N, C-alpha and C. Protein backbone atom coordinates (compact mmCIF):
# COMPACT_ATOMS: atom_id res chain seq x y z
N UNK A 1 368.89 90.82 -14.98
CA UNK A 1 367.98 90.14 -15.90
C UNK A 1 368.80 89.26 -16.83
N UNK A 2 368.50 87.93 -16.85
CA UNK A 2 369.27 87.03 -17.69
C UNK A 2 368.82 87.11 -19.15
N UNK A 3 369.55 86.43 -20.02
CA UNK A 3 369.29 86.52 -21.46
C UNK A 3 367.90 86.02 -21.82
N UNK A 4 367.47 84.91 -21.21
CA UNK A 4 366.15 84.33 -21.51
C UNK A 4 365.04 85.32 -21.17
N UNK A 5 365.17 85.96 -19.99
CA UNK A 5 364.15 86.93 -19.56
C UNK A 5 364.12 88.11 -20.51
N UNK A 6 365.30 88.56 -20.95
CA UNK A 6 365.36 89.68 -21.89
C UNK A 6 364.65 89.34 -23.20
N UNK A 7 364.89 88.10 -23.67
CA UNK A 7 364.25 87.66 -24.92
C UNK A 7 362.74 87.65 -24.78
N UNK A 8 362.24 87.15 -23.64
CA UNK A 8 360.80 87.10 -23.39
C UNK A 8 360.23 88.52 -23.38
N UNK A 9 360.92 89.43 -22.71
CA UNK A 9 360.46 90.82 -22.64
C UNK A 9 360.40 91.46 -24.03
N UNK A 10 361.42 91.19 -24.85
CA UNK A 10 361.44 91.73 -26.20
C UNK A 10 360.30 91.17 -27.05
N UNK A 11 360.03 89.87 -26.88
CA UNK A 11 358.93 89.24 -27.63
C UNK A 11 357.60 89.86 -27.25
N UNK A 12 357.38 90.05 -25.94
CA UNK A 12 356.13 90.65 -25.45
C UNK A 12 356.00 92.08 -25.97
N UNK A 13 357.12 92.85 -25.90
CA UNK A 13 357.10 94.23 -26.37
C UNK A 13 356.78 94.29 -27.86
N UNK A 14 357.40 93.40 -28.64
CA UNK A 14 357.15 93.37 -30.08
C UNK A 14 355.69 93.04 -30.38
N UNK A 15 355.12 92.09 -29.62
CA UNK A 15 353.73 91.69 -29.82
C UNK A 15 352.79 92.86 -29.52
N UNK A 16 353.11 93.59 -28.44
CA UNK A 16 352.28 94.75 -28.07
C UNK A 16 352.34 95.83 -29.14
N UNK A 17 353.55 96.09 -29.64
CA UNK A 17 353.70 97.10 -30.69
C UNK A 17 352.97 96.69 -31.96
N UNK A 18 353.05 95.40 -32.30
CA UNK A 18 352.36 94.89 -33.49
C UNK A 18 350.86 95.07 -33.35
N UNK A 19 350.33 94.77 -32.15
CA UNK A 19 348.90 94.91 -31.89
C UNK A 19 348.45 96.35 -32.02
N UNK A 20 349.25 97.26 -31.46
CA UNK A 20 348.92 98.70 -31.54
C UNK A 20 348.90 99.16 -32.99
N UNK A 21 349.92 98.76 -33.76
CA UNK A 21 350.00 99.14 -35.17
C UNK A 21 348.81 98.58 -35.93
N UNK A 22 348.47 97.31 -35.66
CA UNK A 22 347.34 96.65 -36.33
C UNK A 22 346.04 97.37 -36.03
N UNK A 23 345.82 97.70 -34.75
CA UNK A 23 344.59 98.39 -34.36
C UNK A 23 344.53 99.78 -34.99
N UNK A 24 345.66 100.46 -35.04
CA UNK A 24 345.71 101.79 -35.65
C UNK A 24 345.40 101.70 -37.14
N UNK A 25 345.88 100.63 -37.78
CA UNK A 25 345.64 100.44 -39.20
C UNK A 25 344.15 100.22 -39.47
N UNK A 26 343.51 99.40 -38.62
CA UNK A 26 342.08 99.13 -38.75
C UNK A 26 341.28 100.41 -38.56
N UNK A 27 341.64 101.19 -37.54
CA UNK A 27 340.94 102.44 -37.27
C UNK A 27 341.11 103.41 -38.43
N UNK A 28 342.30 103.45 -39.01
CA UNK A 28 342.56 104.33 -40.13
C UNK A 28 341.74 103.93 -41.35
N UNK A 29 341.68 102.61 -41.62
CA UNK A 29 340.89 102.12 -42.74
C UNK A 29 339.42 102.41 -42.52
N UNK A 30 338.94 102.22 -41.29
CA UNK A 30 337.54 102.47 -40.96
C UNK A 30 337.19 103.94 -41.15
N UNK A 31 338.08 104.82 -40.68
CA UNK A 31 337.86 106.26 -40.82
C UNK A 31 337.86 106.65 -42.29
N UNK A 32 338.75 106.03 -43.06
CA UNK A 32 338.81 106.32 -44.49
C UNK A 32 337.54 105.89 -45.21
N UNK A 33 337.03 104.71 -44.86
CA UNK A 33 335.79 104.21 -45.46
C UNK A 33 334.62 105.11 -45.09
N UNK A 34 334.57 105.52 -43.83
CA UNK A 34 333.50 106.40 -43.37
C UNK A 34 333.53 107.72 -44.13
N UNK A 35 334.70 108.30 -44.29
CA UNK A 35 334.83 109.57 -45.01
C UNK A 35 334.41 109.42 -46.46
N UNK A 36 334.77 108.30 -47.09
CA UNK A 36 334.42 108.06 -48.48
C UNK A 36 332.91 107.92 -48.66
N UNK A 37 332.28 107.18 -47.75
CA UNK A 37 330.83 106.98 -47.83
C UNK A 37 330.10 108.29 -47.56
N UNK A 38 330.57 109.05 -46.58
CA UNK A 38 329.95 110.34 -46.27
C UNK A 38 330.05 111.27 -47.47
N UNK A 39 331.19 111.28 -48.13
CA UNK A 39 331.39 112.11 -49.31
C UNK A 39 330.42 111.72 -50.42
N UNK A 40 330.19 110.43 -50.59
CA UNK A 40 329.25 109.97 -51.61
C UNK A 40 327.82 110.36 -51.26
N UNK A 41 327.44 110.23 -49.99
CA UNK A 41 326.09 110.64 -49.56
C UNK A 41 325.89 112.14 -49.79
N UNK A 42 326.92 112.93 -49.53
CA UNK A 42 326.83 114.38 -49.73
C UNK A 42 326.76 114.72 -51.22
N UNK A 43 327.44 113.94 -52.04
CA UNK A 43 327.38 114.16 -53.48
C UNK A 43 325.96 113.89 -54.00
N UNK A 44 325.35 112.82 -53.52
CA UNK A 44 324.02 112.44 -53.98
C UNK A 44 322.97 113.46 -53.56
N UNK A 45 323.05 113.92 -52.32
CA UNK A 45 321.98 114.76 -51.77
C UNK A 45 322.27 116.25 -51.82
N UNK A 46 323.55 116.63 -51.93
CA UNK A 46 323.91 118.04 -51.87
C UNK A 46 323.90 118.60 -50.46
N UNK A 47 323.82 117.72 -49.47
CA UNK A 47 323.79 118.13 -48.06
C UNK A 47 325.16 117.97 -47.41
N UNK A 48 325.29 118.53 -46.21
CA UNK A 48 326.45 118.30 -45.37
C UNK A 48 325.97 117.63 -44.08
N UNK A 49 326.48 116.45 -43.82
CA UNK A 49 326.03 115.67 -42.66
C UNK A 49 326.97 115.94 -41.49
N UNK A 50 326.68 117.00 -40.77
CA UNK A 50 327.58 117.47 -39.72
C UNK A 50 327.23 116.90 -38.34
N UNK A 51 326.11 116.24 -38.23
CA UNK A 51 325.69 115.71 -36.93
C UNK A 51 325.78 114.19 -36.93
N UNK A 52 326.23 113.65 -35.82
CA UNK A 52 326.35 112.20 -35.69
C UNK A 52 325.77 111.75 -34.35
N UNK A 53 325.04 110.65 -34.40
CA UNK A 53 324.59 110.02 -33.17
C UNK A 53 324.59 108.52 -33.37
N UNK A 54 324.76 107.81 -32.30
CA UNK A 54 324.66 106.35 -32.34
C UNK A 54 323.39 105.98 -31.60
N UNK A 55 322.51 105.24 -32.25
CA UNK A 55 321.24 104.89 -31.63
C UNK A 55 321.45 103.99 -30.42
N UNK A 56 320.43 103.85 -29.56
CA UNK A 56 320.57 102.97 -28.40
C UNK A 56 320.99 101.55 -28.77
N UNK A 57 320.67 101.11 -29.99
CA UNK A 57 321.01 99.75 -30.41
C UNK A 57 322.27 99.69 -31.27
N UNK A 58 322.89 100.84 -31.50
CA UNK A 58 324.18 100.85 -32.17
C UNK A 58 324.19 101.26 -33.62
N UNK A 59 323.04 101.68 -34.18
CA UNK A 59 323.00 102.16 -35.55
C UNK A 59 323.71 103.51 -35.64
N UNK A 60 324.56 103.68 -36.64
CA UNK A 60 325.29 104.94 -36.82
C UNK A 60 324.45 105.87 -37.69
N UNK A 61 324.13 107.05 -37.18
CA UNK A 61 323.23 107.97 -37.86
C UNK A 61 323.93 109.31 -38.09
N UNK A 62 323.98 109.73 -39.35
CA UNK A 62 324.57 111.00 -39.74
C UNK A 62 323.45 111.87 -40.31
N UNK A 63 323.39 113.12 -39.92
CA UNK A 63 322.26 113.94 -40.32
C UNK A 63 322.66 115.39 -40.55
N UNK A 64 321.81 116.10 -41.30
CA UNK A 64 322.03 117.51 -41.58
C UNK A 64 321.88 118.32 -40.30
N UNK A 65 320.87 117.97 -39.51
CA UNK A 65 320.70 118.56 -38.19
C UNK A 65 320.46 117.43 -37.20
N UNK A 66 320.58 117.72 -35.93
CA UNK A 66 320.47 116.67 -34.92
C UNK A 66 319.19 115.87 -35.10
N UNK A 67 319.33 114.55 -35.17
CA UNK A 67 318.18 113.68 -35.38
C UNK A 67 317.28 113.67 -34.15
N UNK A 68 315.99 113.73 -34.38
CA UNK A 68 315.04 113.70 -33.26
C UNK A 68 314.99 112.30 -32.65
N UNK A 69 314.54 112.23 -31.41
CA UNK A 69 314.40 110.94 -30.75
C UNK A 69 313.45 110.03 -31.51
N UNK A 70 312.39 110.60 -32.08
CA UNK A 70 311.42 109.79 -32.83
C UNK A 70 312.05 109.21 -34.10
N UNK A 71 312.90 109.99 -34.75
CA UNK A 71 313.60 109.48 -35.93
C UNK A 71 314.54 108.34 -35.55
N UNK A 72 315.28 108.54 -34.48
CA UNK A 72 316.24 107.52 -34.04
C UNK A 72 315.52 106.22 -33.68
N UNK A 73 314.42 106.32 -32.93
CA UNK A 73 313.67 105.12 -32.55
C UNK A 73 313.07 104.43 -33.77
N UNK A 74 312.58 105.23 -34.72
CA UNK A 74 312.01 104.65 -35.92
C UNK A 74 313.07 103.92 -36.74
N UNK A 75 314.27 104.48 -36.80
CA UNK A 75 315.37 103.82 -37.51
C UNK A 75 315.71 102.50 -36.85
N UNK A 76 315.83 102.49 -35.55
CA UNK A 76 316.14 101.24 -34.85
C UNK A 76 315.05 100.19 -35.08
N UNK A 77 313.79 100.62 -35.09
CA UNK A 77 312.71 99.67 -35.34
C UNK A 77 312.81 99.09 -36.75
N UNK A 78 313.16 99.93 -37.72
CA UNK A 78 313.32 99.44 -39.08
C UNK A 78 314.42 98.39 -39.18
N UNK A 79 315.54 98.64 -38.51
CA UNK A 79 316.63 97.65 -38.50
C UNK A 79 316.19 96.39 -37.75
N UNK A 80 315.44 96.55 -36.65
CA UNK A 80 314.89 95.39 -35.93
C UNK A 80 314.06 94.52 -36.87
N UNK A 81 313.16 95.16 -37.62
CA UNK A 81 312.29 94.41 -38.53
C UNK A 81 313.10 93.72 -39.62
N UNK A 82 314.13 94.41 -40.12
CA UNK A 82 315.00 93.83 -41.14
C UNK A 82 315.72 92.59 -40.61
N UNK A 83 316.26 92.70 -39.41
CA UNK A 83 316.99 91.58 -38.81
C UNK A 83 316.06 90.40 -38.57
N UNK A 84 314.85 90.69 -38.08
CA UNK A 84 313.90 89.61 -37.77
C UNK A 84 313.54 88.80 -39.01
N UNK A 85 313.20 89.47 -40.11
CA UNK A 85 312.81 88.74 -41.31
C UNK A 85 314.01 88.05 -41.94
N UNK A 86 315.20 88.65 -41.83
CA UNK A 86 316.41 88.06 -42.41
C UNK A 86 316.82 86.78 -41.69
N UNK A 87 316.52 86.73 -40.39
CA UNK A 87 316.87 85.55 -39.58
C UNK A 87 315.77 84.50 -39.58
N UNK A 88 314.64 84.79 -40.20
CA UNK A 88 313.50 83.88 -40.17
C UNK A 88 313.85 82.53 -40.81
N UNK A 89 313.01 81.54 -40.55
CA UNK A 89 313.26 80.19 -41.07
C UNK A 89 313.31 80.16 -42.59
N UNK A 90 312.62 81.10 -43.22
CA UNK A 90 312.58 81.14 -44.68
C UNK A 90 313.94 81.51 -45.28
N UNK A 91 314.67 82.41 -44.61
CA UNK A 91 315.92 82.92 -45.19
C UNK A 91 317.17 82.46 -44.43
N UNK A 92 317.16 82.55 -43.13
CA UNK A 92 318.30 82.13 -42.31
C UNK A 92 319.60 82.82 -42.71
N UNK A 93 319.51 84.11 -43.03
CA UNK A 93 320.71 84.86 -43.36
C UNK A 93 321.56 85.08 -42.11
N UNK A 94 322.84 85.30 -42.31
CA UNK A 94 323.75 85.43 -41.17
C UNK A 94 324.61 86.70 -41.22
N UNK A 95 324.77 87.29 -42.39
CA UNK A 95 325.69 88.42 -42.53
C UNK A 95 324.97 89.76 -42.45
N UNK A 96 325.65 90.74 -41.82
CA UNK A 96 325.18 92.13 -41.69
C UNK A 96 323.83 92.19 -40.98
N UNK A 97 323.74 91.50 -39.87
CA UNK A 97 322.49 91.47 -39.11
C UNK A 97 322.65 92.07 -37.72
N UNK A 98 323.49 93.11 -37.63
CA UNK A 98 323.64 93.88 -36.40
C UNK A 98 323.38 95.35 -36.69
N UNK A 99 322.81 96.04 -35.73
CA UNK A 99 322.58 97.47 -35.91
C UNK A 99 323.87 98.21 -36.23
N UNK A 100 324.95 97.78 -35.61
CA UNK A 100 326.23 98.48 -35.80
C UNK A 100 326.80 98.31 -37.21
N UNK A 101 326.21 97.44 -38.02
CA UNK A 101 326.67 97.26 -39.40
C UNK A 101 326.21 98.40 -40.31
N UNK A 102 325.28 99.23 -39.82
CA UNK A 102 324.60 100.18 -40.71
C UNK A 102 324.95 101.64 -40.42
N UNK A 103 325.17 102.37 -41.53
CA UNK A 103 325.34 103.82 -41.50
C UNK A 103 324.14 104.41 -42.24
N UNK A 104 323.39 105.27 -41.56
CA UNK A 104 322.20 105.85 -42.17
C UNK A 104 322.35 107.37 -42.19
N UNK A 105 322.14 107.95 -43.35
CA UNK A 105 322.23 109.40 -43.52
C UNK A 105 320.82 109.97 -43.65
N UNK A 106 320.54 111.00 -42.85
CA UNK A 106 319.24 111.67 -42.90
C UNK A 106 319.42 112.99 -43.64
N UNK A 107 318.85 113.06 -44.85
CA UNK A 107 319.01 114.23 -45.71
C UNK A 107 317.79 115.15 -45.63
N UNK A 108 317.97 116.37 -46.10
CA UNK A 108 316.84 117.28 -46.23
C UNK A 108 315.94 116.76 -47.35
N UNK A 109 314.64 116.70 -47.15
CA UNK A 109 313.76 116.24 -48.23
C UNK A 109 313.68 117.26 -49.36
N UNK A 110 313.64 116.76 -50.59
CA UNK A 110 313.46 117.64 -51.74
C UNK A 110 311.99 117.87 -52.02
N UNK A 111 311.15 117.08 -51.41
CA UNK A 111 309.71 117.33 -51.43
C UNK A 111 309.12 116.71 -50.17
N UNK A 112 307.99 117.22 -49.73
CA UNK A 112 307.31 116.67 -48.55
C UNK A 112 305.99 115.99 -48.88
N UNK A 113 305.49 116.19 -50.12
CA UNK A 113 304.25 115.56 -50.54
C UNK A 113 304.42 114.96 -51.93
N UNK A 114 303.73 113.84 -52.14
CA UNK A 114 303.80 113.21 -53.46
C UNK A 114 302.75 113.82 -54.39
N UNK A 115 302.61 113.25 -55.58
CA UNK A 115 301.69 113.81 -56.58
C UNK A 115 300.23 113.71 -56.18
N UNK A 116 299.96 112.86 -55.19
CA UNK A 116 298.59 112.74 -54.68
C UNK A 116 298.37 113.55 -53.40
N UNK A 117 299.33 114.42 -53.11
CA UNK A 117 299.26 115.32 -51.95
C UNK A 117 299.38 114.58 -50.62
N UNK A 118 299.96 113.37 -50.64
CA UNK A 118 300.20 112.62 -49.41
C UNK A 118 301.56 113.00 -48.83
N UNK A 119 301.67 113.00 -47.50
CA UNK A 119 302.93 113.30 -46.85
C UNK A 119 303.96 112.26 -47.27
N UNK A 120 305.02 112.70 -47.90
CA UNK A 120 305.99 111.78 -48.47
C UNK A 120 307.35 112.45 -48.62
N UNK A 121 308.08 112.64 -47.52
CA UNK A 121 309.42 113.26 -47.63
C UNK A 121 310.37 112.37 -48.45
N UNK A 122 310.83 112.89 -49.58
CA UNK A 122 311.67 112.11 -50.48
C UNK A 122 312.85 112.95 -50.94
N UNK A 123 313.83 112.27 -51.50
CA UNK A 123 315.01 112.94 -52.02
C UNK A 123 315.05 112.78 -53.54
N UNK A 124 315.54 113.80 -54.21
CA UNK A 124 315.67 113.77 -55.67
C UNK A 124 317.04 113.18 -56.04
N UNK A 125 317.02 112.13 -56.86
CA UNK A 125 318.26 111.50 -57.30
C UNK A 125 318.21 111.32 -58.81
N UNK A 126 319.38 111.20 -59.43
CA UNK A 126 319.46 111.07 -60.89
C UNK A 126 318.61 109.90 -61.38
N UNK A 127 317.89 110.11 -62.48
CA UNK A 127 316.96 109.10 -62.99
C UNK A 127 317.67 107.82 -63.41
N UNK A 128 318.81 107.94 -64.07
CA UNK A 128 319.60 106.81 -64.55
C UNK A 128 318.70 105.78 -65.26
N UNK A 129 318.60 104.55 -64.72
CA UNK A 129 317.84 103.52 -65.41
C UNK A 129 316.33 103.79 -65.43
N UNK A 130 315.89 104.77 -64.63
CA UNK A 130 314.47 105.13 -64.62
C UNK A 130 314.15 106.21 -65.66
N UNK A 131 315.16 106.63 -66.41
CA UNK A 131 314.97 107.69 -67.41
C UNK A 131 313.90 107.28 -68.42
N UNK A 132 312.95 108.19 -68.65
CA UNK A 132 311.88 107.92 -69.60
C UNK A 132 310.70 107.16 -69.03
N UNK A 133 310.82 106.71 -67.78
CA UNK A 133 309.72 105.99 -67.15
C UNK A 133 308.75 106.97 -66.51
N UNK A 134 307.68 106.46 -65.93
CA UNK A 134 306.69 107.32 -65.27
C UNK A 134 307.29 108.00 -64.05
N UNK A 135 308.42 107.47 -63.56
CA UNK A 135 309.06 108.04 -62.38
C UNK A 135 309.95 109.23 -62.72
N UNK A 136 310.32 109.35 -64.00
CA UNK A 136 311.25 110.40 -64.43
C UNK A 136 310.58 111.77 -64.34
N UNK A 137 311.19 112.65 -63.55
CA UNK A 137 310.65 113.99 -63.35
C UNK A 137 311.50 115.06 -64.05
N UNK A 138 312.19 114.63 -65.10
CA UNK A 138 313.04 115.57 -65.83
C UNK A 138 314.51 115.34 -65.54
N UNK A 139 314.91 114.07 -65.59
CA UNK A 139 316.30 113.72 -65.32
C UNK A 139 316.56 113.28 -63.90
N UNK A 140 315.53 113.29 -63.07
CA UNK A 140 315.67 112.82 -61.69
C UNK A 140 314.36 112.15 -61.26
N UNK A 141 314.44 111.38 -60.20
CA UNK A 141 313.26 110.77 -59.62
C UNK A 141 313.25 111.10 -58.12
N UNK A 142 312.09 110.95 -57.52
CA UNK A 142 311.98 111.11 -56.07
C UNK A 142 312.04 109.73 -55.43
N UNK A 143 312.92 109.59 -54.47
CA UNK A 143 313.10 108.30 -53.80
C UNK A 143 312.97 108.46 -52.29
N UNK A 144 312.34 107.48 -51.67
CA UNK A 144 312.22 107.49 -50.21
C UNK A 144 313.58 107.23 -49.57
N UNK A 145 314.41 106.47 -50.27
CA UNK A 145 315.75 106.16 -49.76
C UNK A 145 316.63 105.68 -50.89
N UNK A 146 317.92 105.63 -50.65
CA UNK A 146 318.85 105.19 -51.68
C UNK A 146 320.09 104.59 -51.03
N UNK A 147 320.50 103.44 -51.53
CA UNK A 147 321.73 102.81 -51.04
C UNK A 147 322.92 103.65 -51.48
N UNK A 148 323.82 103.90 -50.55
CA UNK A 148 325.03 104.70 -50.83
C UNK A 148 326.24 103.79 -50.98
N UNK A 149 326.32 102.73 -50.16
CA UNK A 149 327.46 101.82 -50.21
C UNK A 149 327.04 100.46 -49.68
N UNK A 150 327.71 99.42 -50.20
CA UNK A 150 327.42 98.06 -49.75
C UNK A 150 328.36 97.59 -48.66
N UNK A 151 329.55 98.17 -48.64
CA UNK A 151 330.52 97.77 -47.61
C UNK A 151 331.41 98.97 -47.29
N UNK A 152 331.12 99.69 -46.21
CA UNK A 152 330.11 99.40 -45.19
C UNK A 152 328.69 99.61 -45.70
N UNK A 153 327.72 99.03 -44.99
CA UNK A 153 326.32 99.15 -45.38
C UNK A 153 325.81 100.55 -45.07
N UNK A 154 325.43 101.27 -46.11
CA UNK A 154 325.02 102.67 -45.89
C UNK A 154 323.92 103.05 -46.87
N UNK A 155 322.97 103.83 -46.39
CA UNK A 155 321.94 104.38 -47.26
C UNK A 155 321.45 105.70 -46.70
N UNK A 156 320.76 106.44 -47.56
CA UNK A 156 320.26 107.76 -47.20
C UNK A 156 318.74 107.76 -47.23
N UNK A 157 318.12 108.44 -46.28
CA UNK A 157 316.68 108.62 -46.24
C UNK A 157 316.40 110.10 -46.00
N UNK A 158 315.14 110.51 -46.17
CA UNK A 158 314.78 111.91 -45.94
C UNK A 158 314.31 112.11 -44.51
N UNK A 159 314.54 113.29 -44.01
CA UNK A 159 314.09 113.64 -42.66
C UNK A 159 312.56 113.69 -42.61
N UNK A 160 312.00 113.16 -41.55
CA UNK A 160 310.55 113.19 -41.32
C UNK A 160 310.25 113.95 -40.03
N UNK A 161 309.08 114.58 -39.99
CA UNK A 161 308.61 115.23 -38.76
C UNK A 161 307.35 114.55 -38.24
N UNK A 162 306.84 113.57 -39.01
CA UNK A 162 305.68 112.78 -38.59
C UNK A 162 305.68 111.50 -39.42
N UNK A 163 304.66 110.67 -39.20
CA UNK A 163 304.56 109.38 -39.89
C UNK A 163 305.86 108.59 -39.78
N UNK A 164 306.25 108.34 -38.55
CA UNK A 164 307.53 107.67 -38.32
C UNK A 164 307.47 106.17 -38.64
N UNK A 165 306.25 105.62 -38.78
CA UNK A 165 306.15 104.25 -39.26
C UNK A 165 306.71 104.15 -40.68
N UNK A 166 306.52 105.21 -41.45
CA UNK A 166 307.09 105.24 -42.81
C UNK A 166 308.61 105.20 -42.75
N UNK A 167 309.19 105.89 -41.79
CA UNK A 167 310.65 105.86 -41.63
C UNK A 167 311.12 104.42 -41.38
N UNK A 168 310.45 103.72 -40.47
CA UNK A 168 310.82 102.33 -40.17
C UNK A 168 310.72 101.47 -41.41
N UNK A 169 309.67 101.67 -42.20
CA UNK A 169 309.51 100.88 -43.42
C UNK A 169 310.61 101.18 -44.43
N UNK A 170 310.93 102.46 -44.62
CA UNK A 170 311.97 102.83 -45.57
C UNK A 170 313.31 102.24 -45.15
N UNK A 171 313.61 102.31 -43.86
CA UNK A 171 314.86 101.74 -43.34
C UNK A 171 314.92 100.24 -43.60
N UNK A 172 313.83 99.57 -43.31
CA UNK A 172 313.81 98.12 -43.57
C UNK A 172 313.99 97.83 -45.06
N UNK A 173 313.30 98.59 -45.92
CA UNK A 173 313.33 98.31 -47.34
C UNK A 173 314.70 98.59 -47.96
N UNK A 174 315.32 99.69 -47.59
CA UNK A 174 316.67 99.96 -48.10
C UNK A 174 317.65 98.92 -47.57
N UNK A 175 317.44 98.53 -46.32
CA UNK A 175 318.29 97.51 -45.73
C UNK A 175 318.18 96.16 -46.42
N UNK A 176 317.01 95.88 -47.01
CA UNK A 176 316.84 94.61 -47.72
C UNK A 176 317.86 94.46 -48.84
N UNK A 177 318.10 95.53 -49.58
CA UNK A 177 319.08 95.46 -50.67
C UNK A 177 320.46 95.11 -50.13
N UNK A 178 320.82 95.69 -49.00
CA UNK A 178 322.14 95.46 -48.43
C UNK A 178 322.27 94.04 -47.88
N UNK A 179 321.24 93.57 -47.19
CA UNK A 179 321.26 92.20 -46.67
C UNK A 179 321.37 91.20 -47.82
N UNK A 180 320.60 91.43 -48.88
CA UNK A 180 320.64 90.51 -50.01
C UNK A 180 322.00 90.54 -50.70
N UNK A 181 322.60 91.72 -50.82
CA UNK A 181 323.92 91.81 -51.45
C UNK A 181 324.93 90.95 -50.71
N UNK A 182 324.82 90.89 -49.41
CA UNK A 182 325.78 90.14 -48.60
C UNK A 182 325.39 88.66 -48.41
N UNK A 183 324.12 88.33 -48.62
CA UNK A 183 323.67 86.97 -48.30
C UNK A 183 323.10 86.18 -49.47
N UNK A 184 322.53 86.86 -50.46
CA UNK A 184 321.89 86.16 -51.58
C UNK A 184 322.04 87.04 -52.83
N UNK A 185 323.18 86.91 -53.49
CA UNK A 185 323.48 87.80 -54.60
C UNK A 185 322.52 87.60 -55.78
N UNK A 186 322.02 86.37 -55.96
CA UNK A 186 321.10 86.12 -57.06
C UNK A 186 319.79 86.88 -56.86
N UNK A 187 319.24 86.79 -55.65
CA UNK A 187 318.00 87.52 -55.36
C UNK A 187 318.24 89.02 -55.36
N UNK A 188 319.41 89.43 -54.94
CA UNK A 188 319.75 90.85 -55.01
C UNK A 188 319.69 91.34 -56.46
N UNK A 189 320.31 90.60 -57.37
CA UNK A 189 320.34 91.01 -58.77
C UNK A 189 318.94 91.05 -59.38
N UNK A 190 318.06 90.17 -58.92
CA UNK A 190 316.69 90.12 -59.44
C UNK A 190 315.85 91.31 -58.97
N UNK A 191 316.18 91.84 -57.81
CA UNK A 191 315.30 92.83 -57.17
C UNK A 191 315.91 94.22 -57.01
N UNK A 192 317.17 94.38 -57.40
CA UNK A 192 317.85 95.66 -57.16
C UNK A 192 317.29 96.79 -58.02
N UNK A 193 316.84 96.46 -59.22
CA UNK A 193 316.41 97.49 -60.16
C UNK A 193 314.88 97.52 -60.25
N UNK A 194 314.25 98.45 -59.53
CA UNK A 194 312.79 98.53 -59.50
C UNK A 194 312.21 99.07 -60.81
N UNK A 195 313.07 99.57 -61.69
CA UNK A 195 312.56 100.10 -62.96
C UNK A 195 311.97 98.98 -63.82
N UNK A 196 312.31 97.74 -63.52
CA UNK A 196 311.77 96.61 -64.26
C UNK A 196 310.58 95.99 -63.54
N UNK A 197 310.09 96.68 -62.53
CA UNK A 197 308.94 96.18 -61.79
C UNK A 197 309.37 95.64 -60.44
N UNK A 198 308.38 95.31 -59.63
CA UNK A 198 308.68 94.79 -58.30
C UNK A 198 308.85 95.91 -57.31
N UNK A 199 308.85 95.58 -56.05
CA UNK A 199 308.99 96.58 -55.02
C UNK A 199 309.26 95.94 -53.68
N UNK A 200 308.89 96.65 -52.65
CA UNK A 200 309.12 96.17 -51.28
C UNK A 200 307.79 95.86 -50.60
N UNK A 201 307.84 94.97 -49.60
CA UNK A 201 309.02 94.27 -49.11
C UNK A 201 309.46 93.14 -50.06
N UNK A 202 310.75 92.96 -50.14
CA UNK A 202 311.31 91.85 -50.91
C UNK A 202 311.30 90.60 -50.03
N UNK A 203 311.74 90.76 -48.80
CA UNK A 203 311.76 89.66 -47.83
C UNK A 203 310.43 89.63 -47.10
N UNK A 204 309.69 88.56 -47.26
CA UNK A 204 308.35 88.46 -46.68
C UNK A 204 308.22 87.25 -45.78
């Protein structure tokens, strides 16, 4: 093997090693972000999300117990609806419009019915800016869903055993906050805090 060939081989070997190191670094960062987001979701809900599944369309789903097929399909439909309205002629958003962009945590509901006795699986979260409002239930409020992180895009919803159209709606609505954070920060700031009024859908 002459000197030129040796140099070429060394260059190729170095490039391969650099690529492997780079890919390992990305995977490590991704795993670290996932662990951090999961820890935050567990802090908010008090649950342990020991089950993982990837939906047929690529949505990452973490749950207290194995997610039912109906829950998974409802989640994918919610993301479908979110993507469709985000890409519409009115908005033409481009960022975070893939199922694989989303991490969804399915928590145990803290209640299954609302004050009107309607089926409404919700999670109890700290009242914070809702303190003293009609939503305040003694330092906490009941929420259908809650954003956990903006990057990666993650939110938590309550487990349902029926009314899966509600699941799709909650997924779309929580996703609206994330899409706006990445695509229209002004509208995000106007609509992020429901304690000042307003609600969903934001994107119409």
